[in-house]
Amino acid sequence: MSCGRLSSFGVLLLVFATAPAGAERLRVPFFTQERNGCGAASVSMVWRYWSEGLPGRTLAEPSPEEVYRQLYNPAAKGIALAGMRDYLEEGGFRAYTLRGEWPDLEQQLAKGRPVIVGLK
């Protein structure tokens, strides 16, 4: 997934843990990103969001730099959504990739679930 050119809504990466129903505004932590590092920053932000109270997490909370080093693909100039999903699953999260529409995004956010959106 490249952060360079973004033109249309593409793929959702949903990361689930417990979330309060009807949540309106998510307080997802912010991490700055390196060039072409939006995937790494996104993984770290979602990971930090769920870091409290998630039993079974197997990896320590990663920094964006660590995620970038492990997952970045120079040929693609980014990190594949499947790589992000697999990395999060290895950490004990349930993560899914799917194509979605705006209502899908709204539905997940209303449930208090942060979403990583990959645009094409």
PDB file of N, CA and C in Angstrom:
ATOM      1  N   MET A   1       0.856  -1.171   0.000  1.00  0.00           N
ATOM      2  CA  MET A   1       0.000   0.000   0.000  1.00  0.00           C
ATOM      3  C   MET A   1       0.892   1.220   0.000  1.00  0.00           C
ATOM      4  N   SER A   2       0.764   2.033  -0.970  1.00  0.00           N
ATOM      5  CA  SER A   2       1.552   3.251  -1.062  1.00  0.00           C
ATOM      6  C   SER A   2       0.726   4.431  -0.590  1.00  0.00           C
ATOM      7  N   CYS A   3       1.368   5.380   0.058  1.00  0.00           N
ATOM      8  CA  CYS A   3       0.675   6.575   0.529  1.00  0.00           C
ATOM      9  C   CYS A   3       0.761   7.695  -0.487  1.00  0.00           C
ATOM     10  N   GLY A   4       1.507   7.485  -1.554  1.00  0.00           N
ATOM     11  CA  GLY A   4       1.762   8.544  -2.520  1.00  0.00           C
ATOM     12  C   GLY A   4       0.530   9.060  -3.228  1.00  0.00           C
ATOM     13  N   ARG A   5      -0.176   8.232  -3.978  1.00  0.00           N
ATOM     14  CA  ARG A   5      -1.327   8.676  -4.753  1.00  0.00           C
ATOM     15  C   ARG A   5      -2.586   8.026  -4.199  1.00  0.00           C
ATOM     16  N   LEU A   6      -3.500   8.827  -3.728  1.00  0.00           N
ATOM     17  CA  LEU A   6      -4.743   8.327  -3.170  1.00  0.00           C
ATOM     18  C   LEU A   6      -5.894   8.917  -3.956  1.00  0.00           C
ATOM     19  N   SER A   7      -6.734   8.074  -4.548  1.00  0.00           N
ATOM     20  CA  SER A   7      -7.803   8.628  -5.352  1.00  0.00           C
ATOM     21  C   SER A   7      -9.181   8.062  -5.060  1.00  0.00           C
ATOM     22  N   SER A   8      -9.304   6.823  -4.631  1.00  0.00           N
ATOM     23  CA  SER A   8     -10.633   6.285  -4.374  1.00  0.00           C
ATOM     24  C   SER A   8     -10.611   5.341  -3.189  1.00  0.00           C
ATOM     25  N   PHE A   9     -11.744   5.235  -2.531  1.00  0.00           N
ATOM     26  CA  PHE A   9     -11.894   4.377  -1.368  1.00  0.00           C
ATOM     27  C   PHE A   9     -11.673   2.935  -1.778  1.00  0.00           C
ATOM     28  N   GLY A  10     -10.833   2.217  -1.074  1.00  0.00           N
ATOM     29  CA  GLY A  10     -10.506   0.878  -1.513  1.00  0.00           C
ATOM     30  C   GLY A  10     -10.767  -0.225  -0.523  1.00  0.00           C
ATOM     31  N   VAL A  11      -9.874  -0.447   0.406  1.00  0.00           N
ATOM     32  CA  VAL A  11      -9.908  -1.632   1.236  1.00  0.00           C
ATOM     33  C   VAL A  11      -9.896  -1.227   2.699  1.00  0.00           C
ATOM     34  N   LEU A  12     -10.653  -1.945   3.510  1.00  0.00           N
ATOM     35  CA  LEU A  12     -10.668  -1.711   4.946  1.00  0.00           C
ATOM     36  C   LEU A  12      -9.890  -2.813   5.634  1.00  0.00           C
ATOM     37  N   LEU A  13      -9.109  -2.452   6.611  1.00  0.00           N
ATOM     38  CA  LEU A  13      -8.493  -3.430   7.485  1.00  0.00           C
ATOM     39  C   LEU A  13      -9.146  -3.227   8.835  1.00  0.00           C
ATOM     40  N   LEU A  14      -9.936  -4.186   9.252  1.00  0.00           N
ATOM     41  CA  LEU A  14     -10.666  -4.064  10.502  1.00  0.00           C
ATOM     42  C   LEU A  14      -9.919  -4.821  11.583  1.00  0.00           C
ATOM     43  N   VAL A  15      -9.731  -4.178  12.698  1.00  0.00           N
ATOM     44  CA  VAL A  15      -9.047  -4.783  13.824  1.00  0.00           C
ATOM     45  C   VAL A  15     -10.022  -4.791  14.983  1.00  0.00           C
ATOM     46  N   PHE A  16     -10.332  -5.982  15.476  1.00  0.00           N
ATOM     47  CA  PHE A  16     -11.365  -6.097  16.492  1.00  0.00           C
ATOM     48  C   PHE A  16     -10.803  -6.490  17.846  1.00  0.00           C
ATOM     49  N   ALA A  17     -11.337  -5.913  18.842  1.00  0.00           N
ATOM     50  CA  ALA A  17     -11.232  -6.325  20.225  1.00  0.00           C
ATOM     51  C   ALA A  17     -12.574  -5.888  20.804  1.00  0.00           C
ATOM     52  N   THR A  18     -12.687  -5.725  22.093  1.00  0.00           N
ATOM     53  CA  THR A  18     -13.956  -5.261  22.633  1.00  0.00           C
ATOM     54  C   THR A  18     -14.063  -3.761  22.443  1.00  0.00           C
ATOM     55  N   ALA A  19     -15.233  -3.293  22.071  1.00  0.00           N
ATOM     56  CA  ALA A  19     -15.450  -1.862  21.853  1.00  0.00           C
ATOM     57  C   ALA A  19     -16.837  -1.499  22.354  1.00  0.00           C
ATOM     58  N   PRO A  20     -16.979  -0.335  22.983  1.00  0.00           N
ATOM     59  CA  PRO A  20     -18.294   0.075  23.458  1.00  0.00           C
ATOM     60  C   PRO A  20     -19.227   0.361  22.292  1.00  0.00           C
ATOM     61  N   ALA A  21     -20.463  -0.111  22.403  1.00  0.00           N
ATOM     62  CA  ALA A  21     -21.456   0.159  21.362  1.00  0.00           C
ATOM     63  C   ALA A  21     -21.778   1.645  21.347  1.00  0.00           C
ATOM     64  N   GLY A  22     -21.996   2.187  20.169  1.00  0.00           N
ATOM     65  CA  GLY A  22     -22.391   3.585  20.041  1.00  0.00           C
ATOM     66  C   GLY A  22     -21.273   4.586  20.257  1.00  0.00           C
ATOM     67  N   ALA A  23     -20.030   4.144  20.237  1.00  0.00           N
ATOM     68  CA  ALA A  23     -18.922   5.084  20.405  1.00  0.00           C
ATOM     69  C   ALA A  23     -18.950   6.095  19.273  1.00  0.00           C
ATOM     70  N   GLU A  24     -18.773   7.373  19.605  1.00  0.00           N
ATOM     71  CA  GLU A  24     -18.866   8.407  18.587  1.00  0.00           C
ATOM     72  C   GLU A  24     -17.500   8.864  18.094  1.00  0.00           C
ATOM     73  N   ARG A  25     -16.613   9.166  18.996  1.00  0.00           N
ATOM     74  CA  ARG A  25     -15.294   9.641  18.592  1.00  0.00           C
ATOM     75  C   ARG A  25     -14.247   8.721  19.191  1.00  0.00           C
ATOM     76  N   LEU A  26     -13.404   8.206  18.339  1.00  0.00           N
ATOM     77  CA  LEU A  26     -12.373   7.294  18.806  1.00  0.00           C
ATOM     78  C   LEU A  26     -11.121   8.078  19.154  1.00  0.00           C
ATOM     79  N   ARG A  27     -10.558   7.771  20.279  1.00  0.00           N
ATOM     80  CA  ARG A  27      -9.331   8.433  20.714  1.00  0.00           C
ATOM     81  C   ARG A  27      -8.135   7.550  20.353  1.00  0.00           C
ATOM     82  N   VAL A  28      -7.912   7.455  19.063  1.00  0.00           N
ATOM     83  CA  VAL A  28      -6.799   6.655  18.556  1.00  0.00           C
ATOM     84  C   VAL A  28      -5.536   7.498  18.661  1.00  0.00           C
ATOM     85  N   PRO A  29      -4.486   6.960  19.277  1.00  0.00           N
ATOM     86  CA  PRO A  29      -3.241   7.719  19.413  1.00  0.00           C
ATOM     87  C   PRO A  29      -2.659   8.071  18.049  1.00  0.00           C
ATOM     88  N   PHE A  30      -1.920   9.152  18.015  1.00  0.00           N
ATOM     89  CA  PHE A  30      -1.310   9.618  16.768  1.00  0.00           C
ATOM     90  C   PHE A  30       0.177   9.321  16.770  1.00  0.00           C
ATOM     91  N   PHE A  31       0.664   8.769  15.678  1.00  0.00           N
ATOM     92  CA  PHE A  31       2.090   8.585  15.451  1.00  0.00           C
ATOM     93  C   PHE A  31       2.438   9.264  14.134  1.00  0.00           C
ATOM     94  N   THR A  32       3.560   9.965  14.097  1.00  0.00           N
ATOM     95  CA  THR A  32       4.013  10.532  12.830  1.00  0.00           C
ATOM     96  C   THR A  32       4.543   9.400  11.959  1.00  0.00           C
ATOM     97  N   GLN A  33       4.626   9.671  10.673  1.00  0.00           N
ATOM     98  CA  GLN A  33       5.089   8.634   9.764  1.00  0.00           C
ATOM     99  C   GLN A  33       6.285   9.105   8.963  1.00  0.00           C
ATOM    100  N   GLU A  34       7.098   8.131   8.588  1.00  0.00           N
ATOM    101  CA  GLU A  34       8.203   8.372   7.667  1.00  0.00           C
ATOM    102  C   GLU A  34       7.638   8.363   6.251  1.00  0.00           C
ATOM    103  N   ARG A  35       8.448   8.757   5.281  1.00  0.00           N
ATOM    104  CA  ARG A  35       8.022   8.706   3.879  1.00  0.00           C
ATOM    105  C   ARG A  35       7.572   7.280   3.548  1.00  0.00           C
ATOM    106  N   ASN A  36       6.411   7.161   2.931  1.00  0.00           N
ATOM    107  CA  ASN A  36       5.810   5.868   2.589  1.00  0.00           C
ATOM    108  C   ASN A  36       5.602   4.988   3.821  1.00  0.00           C
ATOM    109  N   GLY A  37       5.444   5.602   4.982  1.00  0.00           N
ATOM    110  CA  GLY A  37       5.284   4.851   6.222  1.00  0.00           C
ATOM    111  C   GLY A  37       3.892   4.914   6.815  1.00  0.00           C
ATOM    112  N   CYS A  38       2.888   5.204   5.997  1.00  0.00           N
ATOM    113  CA  CYS A  38       1.533   5.326   6.542  1.00  0.00           C
ATOM    114  C   CYS A  38       1.035   3.999   7.106  1.00  0.00           C
ATOM    115  N   GLY A  39       1.384   2.880   6.467  1.00  0.00           N
ATOM    116  CA  GLY A  39       0.952   1.577   6.968  1.00  0.00           C
ATOM    117  C   GLY A  39       1.540   1.276   8.332  1.00  0.00           C
ATOM    118  N   ALA A  40       2.831   1.542   8.493  1.00  0.00           N
ATOM    119  CA  ALA A  40       3.499   1.290   9.771  1.00  0.00           C
ATOM    120  C   ALA A  40       2.918   2.163  10.878  1.00  0.00           C
ATOM    121  N   ALA A  41       2.691   3.434  10.582  1.00  0.00           N
ATOM    122  CA  ALA A  41       2.099   4.332  11.581  1.00  0.00           C
ATOM    123  C   ALA A  41       0.682   3.882  11.926  1.00  0.00           C
ATOM    124  N   SER A  42      -0.080   3.457  10.929  1.00  0.00           N
ATOM    125  CA  SER A  42      -1.457   3.012  11.162  1.00  0.00           C
ATOM    126  C   SER A  42      -1.504   1.776  12.050  1.00  0.00           C
ATOM    127  N   VAL A  43      -0.627   0.817  11.781  1.00  0.00           N
ATOM    128  CA  VAL A  43      -0.574  -0.390  12.607  1.00  0.00           C
ATOM    129  C   VAL A  43      -0.252  -0.019  14.053  1.00  0.00           C
ATOM    130  N   SER A  44       0.715   0.851  14.258  1.00  0.00           N
ATOM    131  CA  SER A  44       1.096   1.253  15.616  1.00  0.00           C
ATOM    132  C   SER A  44      -0.030   1.994  16.322  1.00  0.00           C
ATOM    133  N   MET A  45      -0.749   2.845  15.585  1.00  0.00           N
ATOM    134  CA  MET A  45      -1.859   3.591  16.199  1.00  0.00           C
ATOM    135  C   MET A  45      -2.977   2.653  16.636  1.00  0.00           C
ATOM    136  N   VAL A  46      -3.351   1.727  15.768  1.00  0.00           N
ATOM    137  CA  VAL A  46      -4.422   0.787  16.109  1.00  0.00           C
ATOM    138  C   VAL A  46      -3.975  -0.130  17.240  1.00  0.00           C
ATOM    139  N   TRP A  47      -2.731  -0.569  17.196  1.00  0.00           N
ATOM    140  CA  TRP A  47      -2.193  -1.440  18.253  1.00  0.00           C
ATOM    141  C   TRP A  47      -2.273  -0.729  19.603  1.00  0.00           C
ATOM    142  N   ARG A  48      -1.819   0.520  19.644  1.00  0.00           N
ATOM    143  CA  ARG A  48      -1.850   1.279  20.897  1.00  0.00           C
ATOM    144  C   ARG A  48      -3.284   1.469  21.386  1.00  0.00           C
ATOM    145  N   TYR A  49      -4.204   1.722  20.461  1.00  0.00           N
ATOM    146  CA  TYR A  49      -5.614   1.910  20.819  1.00  0.00           C
ATOM    147  C   TYR A  49      -6.138   0.707  21.599  1.00  0.00           C
ATOM    148  N   TRP A  50      -5.782  -0.491  21.141  1.00  0.00           N
ATOM    149  CA  TRP A  50      -6.291  -1.710  21.769  1.00  0.00           C
ATOM    150  C   TRP A  50      -5.341  -2.280  22.817  1.00  0.00           C
ATOM    151  N   SER A  51      -4.263  -1.613  23.161  1.00  0.00           N
ATOM    152  CA  SER A  51      -3.221  -2.211  24.003  1.00  0.00           C
ATOM    153  C   SER A  51      -3.679  -2.525  25.417  1.00  0.00           C
ATOM    154  N   GLU A  52      -4.673  -1.844  25.899  1.00  0.00           N
ATOM    155  CA  GLU A  52      -5.160  -2.111  27.250  1.00  0.00           C
ATOM    156  C   GLU A  52      -6.253  -3.171  27.227  1.00  0.00           C
ATOM    157  N   GLY A  53      -6.123  -4.173  28.055  1.00  0.00           N
ATOM    158  CA  GLY A  53      -7.193  -5.135  28.276  1.00  0.00           C
ATOM    159  C   GLY A  53      -7.417  -6.145  27.169  1.00  0.00           C
ATOM    160  N   LEU A  54      -6.438  -6.379  26.328  1.00  0.00           N
ATOM    161  CA  LEU A  54      -6.605  -7.396  25.296  1.00  0.00           C
ATOM    162  C   LEU A  54      -5.806  -8.627  25.700  1.00  0.00           C
ATOM    163  N   PRO A  55      -6.490  -9.667  26.185  1.00  0.00           N
ATOM    164  CA  PRO A  55      -5.770 -10.877  26.583  1.00  0.00           C
ATOM    165  C   PRO A  55      -5.215 -11.607  25.365  1.00  0.00           C
ATOM    166  N   GLY A  56      -4.090 -12.235  25.529  1.00  0.00           N
ATOM    167  CA  GLY A  56      -3.532 -13.069  24.479  1.00  0.00           C
ATOM    168  C   GLY A  56      -2.618 -12.369  23.500  1.00  0.00           C
ATOM    169  N   ARG A  57      -2.356 -11.069  23.703  1.00  0.00           N
ATOM    170  CA  ARG A  57      -1.405 -10.389  22.815  1.00  0.00           C
ATOM    171  C   ARG A  57      -0.044 -11.037  22.998  1.00  0.00           C
ATOM    172  N   THR A  58       0.617 -11.383  21.909  1.00  0.00           N
ATOM    173  CA  THR A  58       1.879 -12.119  22.015  1.00  0.00           C
ATOM    174  C   THR A  58       3.108 -11.262  21.745  1.00  0.00           C
ATOM    175  N   LEU A  59       2.936 -10.078  21.188  1.00  0.00           N
ATOM    176  CA  LEU A  59       4.070  -9.212  20.881  1.00  0.00           C
ATOM    177  C   LEU A  59       3.994  -7.937  21.704  1.00  0.00           C
ATOM    178  N   ALA A  60       5.160  -7.395  22.058  1.00  0.00           N
ATOM    179  CA  ALA A  60       5.185  -6.095  22.719  1.00  0.00           C
ATOM    180  C   ALA A  60       4.693  -5.038  21.733  1.00  0.00           C
ATOM    181  N   GLU A  61       4.192  -3.935  22.260  1.00  0.00           N
ATOM    182  CA  GLU A  61       3.673  -2.862  21.404  1.00  0.00           C
ATOM    183  C   GLU A  61       4.781  -2.320  20.507  1.00  0.00           C
ATOM    184  N   PRO A  62       4.595  -2.392  19.189  1.00  0.00           N
ATOM    185  CA  PRO A  62       5.659  -1.971  18.274  1.00  0.00           C
ATOM    186  C   PRO A  62       5.618  -0.476  17.975  1.00  0.00           C
ATOM    187  N   SER A  63       6.780   0.087  17.715  1.00  0.00           N
ATOM    188  CA  SER A  63       6.853   1.471  17.239  1.00  0.00           C
ATOM    189  C   SER A  63       6.623   1.461  15.730  1.00  0.00           C
ATOM    190  N   PRO A  64       6.236   2.605  15.145  1.00  0.00           N
ATOM    191  CA  PRO A  64       6.109   2.655  13.688  1.00  0.00           C
ATOM    192  C   PRO A  64       7.413   2.277  12.981  1.00  0.00           C
ATOM    193  N   GLU A  65       8.542   2.656  13.558  1.00  0.00           N
ATOM    194  CA  GLU A  65       9.835   2.333  12.952  1.00  0.00           C
ATOM    195  C   GLU A  65      10.061   0.816  12.912  1.00  0.00           C
ATOM    196  N   GLU A  66       9.673   0.143  13.986  1.00  0.00           N
ATOM    197  CA  GLU A  66       9.830  -1.312  14.039  1.00  0.00           C
ATOM    198  C   GLU A  66       8.923  -1.998  13.014  1.00  0.00           C
ATOM    199  N   VAL A  67       7.675  -1.559  12.936  1.00  0.00           N
ATOM    200  CA  VAL A  67       6.741  -2.124  11.954  1.00  0.00           C
ATOM    201  C   VAL A  67       7.278  -1.886  10.549  1.00  0.00           C
ATOM    202  N   TYR A  68       7.757  -0.680  10.297  1.00  0.00           N
ATOM    203  CA  TYR A  68       8.306  -0.319   8.987  1.00  0.00           C
ATOM    204  C   TYR A  68       9.470  -1.237   8.619  1.00  0.00           C
ATOM    205  N   ARG A  69      10.400  -1.430   9.543  1.00  0.00           N
ATOM    206  CA  ARG A  69      11.570  -2.285   9.283  1.00  0.00           C
ATOM    207  C   ARG A  69      11.153  -3.717   8.945  1.00  0.00           C
ATOM    208  N   GLN A  70      10.128  -4.203   9.622  1.00  0.00           N
ATOM    209  CA  GLN A  70       9.720  -5.591   9.430  1.00  0.00           C
ATOM    210  C   GLN A  70       8.851  -5.811   8.195  1.00  0.00           C
ATOM    211  N   LEU A  71       8.032  -4.823   7.824  1.00  0.00           N
ATOM    212  CA  LEU A  71       7.021  -5.064   6.797  1.00  0.00           C
ATOM    213  C   LEU A  71       7.185  -4.280   5.500  1.00  0.00           C
ATOM    214  N   TYR A  72       7.996  -3.242   5.500  1.00  0.00           N
ATOM    215  CA  TYR A  72       8.082  -2.380   4.317  1.00  0.00           C
ATOM    216  C   TYR A  72       8.640  -3.128   3.112  1.00  0.00           C
ATOM    217  N   ASN A  73       8.014  -2.930   1.963  1.00  0.00           N
ATOM    218  CA  ASN A  73       8.447  -3.530   0.701  1.00  0.00           C
ATOM    219  C   ASN A  73       8.909  -2.407  -0.223  1.00  0.00           C
ATOM    220  N   PRO A  74      10.219  -2.277  -0.457  1.00  0.00           N
ATOM    221  CA  PRO A  74      10.721  -1.180  -1.292  1.00  0.00           C
ATOM    222  C   PRO A  74      10.144  -1.181  -2.707  1.00  0.00           C
ATOM    223  N   ALA A  75       9.937  -2.357  -3.283  1.00  0.00           N
ATOM    224  CA  ALA A  75       9.396  -2.422  -4.648  1.00  0.00           C
ATOM    225  C   ALA A  75       7.981  -1.850  -4.707  1.00  0.00           C
ATOM    226  N   ALA A  76       7.195  -2.092  -3.667  1.00  0.00           N
ATOM    227  CA  ALA A  76       5.819  -1.593  -3.616  1.00  0.00           C
ATOM    228  C   ALA A  76       5.743  -0.189  -3.023  1.00  0.00           C
ATOM    229  N   LYS A  77       6.847   0.278  -2.453  1.00  0.00           N
ATOM    230  CA  LYS A  77       6.893   1.573  -1.766  1.00  0.00           C
ATOM    231  C   LYS A  77       5.832   1.661  -0.676  1.00  0.00           C
ATOM    232  N   GLY A  78       5.682   0.583   0.066  1.00  0.00           N
ATOM    233  CA  GLY A  78       4.704   0.570   1.143  1.00  0.00           C
ATOM    234  C   GLY A  78       4.612  -0.797   1.792  1.00  0.00           C
ATOM    235  N   ILE A  79       3.544  -0.966   2.547  1.00  0.00           N
ATOM    236  CA  ILE A  79       3.282  -2.214   3.254  1.00  0.00           C
ATOM    237  C   ILE A  79       1.949  -2.754   2.754  1.00  0.00           C
ATOM    238  N   ALA A  80       1.932  -4.017   2.383  1.00  0.00           N
ATOM    239  CA  ALA A  80       0.702  -4.644   1.906  1.00  0.00           C
ATOM    240  C   ALA A  80      -0.303  -4.775   3.046  1.00  0.00           C
ATOM    241  N   LEU A  81      -1.582  -4.611   2.714  1.00  0.00           N
ATOM    242  CA  LEU A  81      -2.622  -4.783   3.727  1.00  0.00           C
ATOM    243  C   LEU A  81      -2.570  -6.176   4.340  1.00  0.00           C
ATOM    244  N   ALA A  82      -2.296  -7.182   3.525  1.00  0.00           N
ATOM    245  CA  ALA A  82      -2.195  -8.544   4.051  1.00  0.00           C
ATOM    246  C   ALA A  82      -1.059  -8.647   5.069  1.00  0.00           C
ATOM    247  N   GLY A  83       0.038  -7.941   4.833  1.00  0.00           N
ATOM    248  CA  GLY A  83       1.140  -7.931   5.788  1.00  0.00           C
ATOM    249  C   GLY A  83       0.749  -7.280   7.102  1.00  0.00           C
ATOM    250  N   MET A  84      -0.003  -6.171   7.017  1.00  0.00           N
ATOM    251  CA  MET A  84      -0.487  -5.519   8.238  1.00  0.00           C
ATOM    252  C   MET A  84      -1.424  -6.446   8.996  1.00  0.00           C
ATOM    253  N   ARG A  85      -2.349  -7.072   8.257  1.00  0.00           N
ATOM    254  CA  ARG A  85      -3.299  -7.997   8.883  1.00  0.00           C
ATOM    255  C   ARG A  85      -2.561  -9.117   9.596  1.00  0.00           C
ATOM    256  N   ASP A  86      -1.609  -9.757   8.907  1.00  0.00           N
ATOM    257  CA  ASP A  86      -0.871 -10.869   9.496  1.00  0.00           C
ATOM    258  C   ASP A  86      -0.084 -10.429  10.725  1.00  0.00           C
ATOM    259  N   TYR A  87       0.532  -9.263  10.653  1.00  0.00           N
ATOM    260  CA  TYR A  87       1.314  -8.739  11.776  1.00  0.00           C
ATOM    261  C   TYR A  87       0.417  -8.529  13.001  1.00  0.00           C
ATOM    262  N   LEU A  88      -0.758  -7.941  12.775  1.00  0.00           N
ATOM    263  CA  LEU A  88      -1.687  -7.716  13.881  1.00  0.00           C
ATOM    264  C   LEU A  88      -2.211  -9.035  14.442  1.00  0.00           C
ATOM    265  N   GLU A  89      -2.490  -9.996  13.583  1.00  0.00           N
ATOM    266  CA  GLU A  89      -2.953 -11.302  14.057  1.00  0.00           C
ATOM    267  C   GLU A  89      -1.884 -11.998  14.889  1.00  0.00           C
ATOM    268  N   GLU A  90      -0.618 -11.875  14.491  1.00  0.00           N
ATOM    269  CA  GLU A  90       0.477 -12.454  15.273  1.00  0.00           C
ATOM    270  C   GLU A  90       0.547 -11.831  16.660  1.00  0.00           C
ATOM    271  N   GLY A  91       0.058 -10.609  16.788  1.00  0.00           N
ATOM    272  CA  GLY A  91       0.042  -9.930  18.076  1.00  0.00           C
ATOM    273  C   GLY A  91      -1.192 -10.225  18.909  1.00  0.00           C
ATOM    274  N   GLY A  92      -2.065 -11.107  18.430  1.00  0.00           N
ATOM    275  CA  GLY A  92      -3.234 -11.492  19.211  1.00  0.00           C
ATOM    276  C   GLY A  92      -4.514 -10.782  18.831  1.00  0.00           C
ATOM    277  N   PHE A  93      -4.496  -9.994  17.774  1.00  0.00           N
ATOM    278  CA  PHE A  93      -5.692  -9.288  17.320  1.00  0.00           C
ATOM    279  C   PHE A  93      -6.427 -10.133  16.282  1.00  0.00           C
ATOM    280  N   ARG A  94      -7.718  -9.856  16.129  1.00  0.00           N
ATOM    281  CA  ARG A  94      -8.474 -10.389  14.994  1.00  0.00           C
ATOM    282  C   ARG A  94      -8.526  -9.264  13.978  1.00  0.00           C
ATOM    283  N   ALA A  95      -7.944  -9.476  12.832  1.00  0.00           N
ATOM    284  CA  ALA A  95      -7.874  -8.428  11.810  1.00  0.00           C
ATOM    285  C   ALA A  95      -8.380  -8.990  10.488  1.00  0.00           C
ATOM    286  N   TYR A  96      -9.070  -8.149   9.728  1.00  0.00           N
ATOM    287  CA  TYR A  96      -9.680  -8.584   8.473  1.00  0.00           C
ATOM    288  C   TYR A  96      -9.407  -7.553   7.388  1.00  0.00           C
ATOM    289  N   THR A  97      -9.236  -8.015   6.171  1.00  0.00           N
ATOM    290  CA  THR A  97      -9.179  -7.105   5.033  1.00  0.00           C
ATOM    291  C   THR A  97     -10.417  -7.356   4.189  1.00  0.00           C
ATOM    292  N   LEU A  98     -10.991  -6.289   3.687  1.00  0.00           N
ATOM    293  CA  LEU A  98     -12.166  -6.403   2.836  1.00  0.00           C
ATOM    294  C   LEU A  98     -12.348  -5.133   2.040  1.00  0.00           C
ATOM    295  N   ARG A  99     -13.087  -5.239   0.952  1.00  0.00           N
ATOM    296  CA  ARG A  99     -13.467  -4.052   0.191  1.00  0.00           C
ATOM    297  C   ARG A  99     -14.699  -3.481   0.866  1.00  0.00           C
ATOM    298  N   GLY A 100     -14.768  -2.163   0.929  1.00  0.00           N
ATOM    299  CA  GLY A 100     -15.897  -1.562   1.610  1.00  0.00           C
ATOM    300  C   GLY A 100     -16.362  -0.275   0.975  1.00  0.00           C
ATOM    301  N   GLU A 101     -17.476   0.179   1.453  1.00  0.00           N
ATOM    302  CA  GLU A 101     -18.085   1.438   1.043  1.00  0.00           C
ATOM    303  C   GLU A 101     -18.116   2.353   2.269  1.00  0.00           C
ATOM    304  N   TRP A 102     -18.454   3.599   2.061  1.00  0.00           N
ATOM    305  CA  TRP A 102     -18.509   4.567   3.153  1.00  0.00           C
ATOM    306  C   TRP A 102     -19.390   4.092   4.316  1.00  0.00           C
ATOM    307  N   PRO A 103     -20.592   3.532   4.065  1.00  0.00           N
ATOM    308  CA  PRO A 103     -21.416   3.059   5.184  1.00  0.00           C
ATOM    309  C   PRO A 103     -20.730   1.975   6.025  1.00  0.00           C
ATOM    310  N   ASP A 104     -19.894   1.146   5.397  1.00  0.00           N
ATOM    311  CA  ASP A 104     -19.152   0.132   6.152  1.00  0.00           C
ATOM    312  C   ASP A 104     -18.189   0.787   7.137  1.00  0.00           C
ATOM    313  N   LEU A 105     -17.523   1.820   6.680  1.00  0.00           N
ATOM    314  CA  LEU A 105     -16.608   2.570   7.529  1.00  0.00           C
ATOM    315  C   LEU A 105     -17.360   3.203   8.696  1.00  0.00           C
ATOM    316  N   GLU A 106     -18.470   3.856   8.398  1.00  0.00           N
ATOM    317  CA  GLU A 106     -19.274   4.488   9.450  1.00  0.00           C
ATOM    318  C   GLU A 106     -19.749   3.473  10.479  1.00  0.00           C
ATOM    319  N   GLN A 107     -20.160   2.296  10.006  1.00  0.00           N
ATOM    320  CA  GLN A 107     -20.655   1.256  10.905  1.00  0.00           C
ATOM    321  C   GLN A 107     -19.565   0.803  11.879  1.00  0.00           C
ATOM    322  N   GLN A 108     -18.357   0.579  11.385  1.00  0.00           N
ATOM    323  CA  GLN A 108     -17.272   0.134  12.252  1.00  0.00           C
ATOM    324  C   GLN A 108     -16.876   1.216  13.256  1.00  0.00           C
ATOM    325  N   LEU A 109     -16.803   2.447  12.806  1.00  0.00           N
ATOM    326  CA  LEU A 109     -16.461   3.545  13.717  1.00  0.00           C
ATOM    327  C   LEU A 109     -17.537   3.731  14.773  1.00  0.00           C
ATOM    328  N   ALA A 110     -18.803   3.566  14.399  1.00  0.00           N
ATOM    329  CA  ALA A 110     -19.899   3.681  15.366  1.00  0.00           C
ATOM    330  C   ALA A 110     -19.807   2.602  16.440  1.00  0.00           C
ATOM    331  N   LYS A 111     -19.196   1.480  16.112  1.00  0.00           N
ATOM    332  CA  LYS A 111     -19.005   0.397  17.077  1.00  0.00           C
ATOM    333  C   LYS A 111     -17.742   0.588  17.910  1.00  0.00           C
ATOM    334  N   GLY A 112     -17.021   1.683  17.676  1.00  0.00           N
ATOM    335  CA  GLY A 112     -15.812   1.953  18.444  1.00  0.00           C
ATOM    336  C   GLY A 112     -14.592   1.206  17.947  1.00  0.00           C
ATOM    337  N   ARG A 113     -14.609   0.806  16.695  1.00  0.00           N
ATOM    338  CA  ARG A 113     -13.504   0.044  16.124  1.00  0.00           C
ATOM    339  C   ARG A 113     -12.709   0.919  15.160  1.00  0.00           C
ATOM    340  N   PRO A 114     -11.430   1.150  15.439  1.00  0.00           N
ATOM    341  CA  PRO A 114     -10.621   1.902  14.484  1.00  0.00           C
ATOM    342  C   PRO A 114     -10.424   1.086  13.215  1.00  0.00           C
ATOM    343  N   VAL A 115     -10.331   1.771  12.104  1.00  0.00           N
ATOM    344  CA  VAL A 115     -10.224   1.135  10.796  1.00  0.00           C
ATOM    345  C   VAL A 115      -9.021   1.723  10.063  1.00  0.00           C
ATOM    346  N   ILE A 116      -8.226   0.875   9.456  1.00  0.00           N
ATOM    347  CA  ILE A 116      -7.155   1.328   8.578  1.00  0.00           C
ATOM    348  C   ILE A 116      -7.718   1.258   7.168  1.00  0.00           C
ATOM    349  N   VAL A 117      -7.709   2.380   6.475  1.00  0.00           N
ATOM    350  CA  VAL A 117      -8.281   2.436   5.131  1.00  0.00           C
ATOM    351  C   VAL A 117      -7.157   2.565   4.118  1.00  0.00           C
ATOM    352  N   GLY A 118      -7.119   1.639   3.191  1.00  0.00           N
ATOM    353  CA  GLY A 118      -6.172   1.707   2.086  1.00  0.00           C
ATOM    354  C   GLY A 118      -6.882   2.262   0.871  1.00  0.00           C
ATOM    355  N   LEU A 119      -6.322   3.289   0.276  1.00  0.00           N
ATOM    356  CA  LEU A 119      -6.949   3.919  -0.884  1.00  0.00           C
ATOM    357  C   LEU A 119      -6.163   3.602  -2.139  1.00  0.00           C
ATOM    358  N   LYS A 120      -6.879   3.490  -3.249  1.00  0.00           N
ATOM    359  CA  LYS A 120      -6.224   3.231  -4.536  1.00  0.00           C
ATOM    360  C   LYS A 120      -6.297   4.463  -5.387  1.00  0.00           C
TER     361      LYS A 120
END
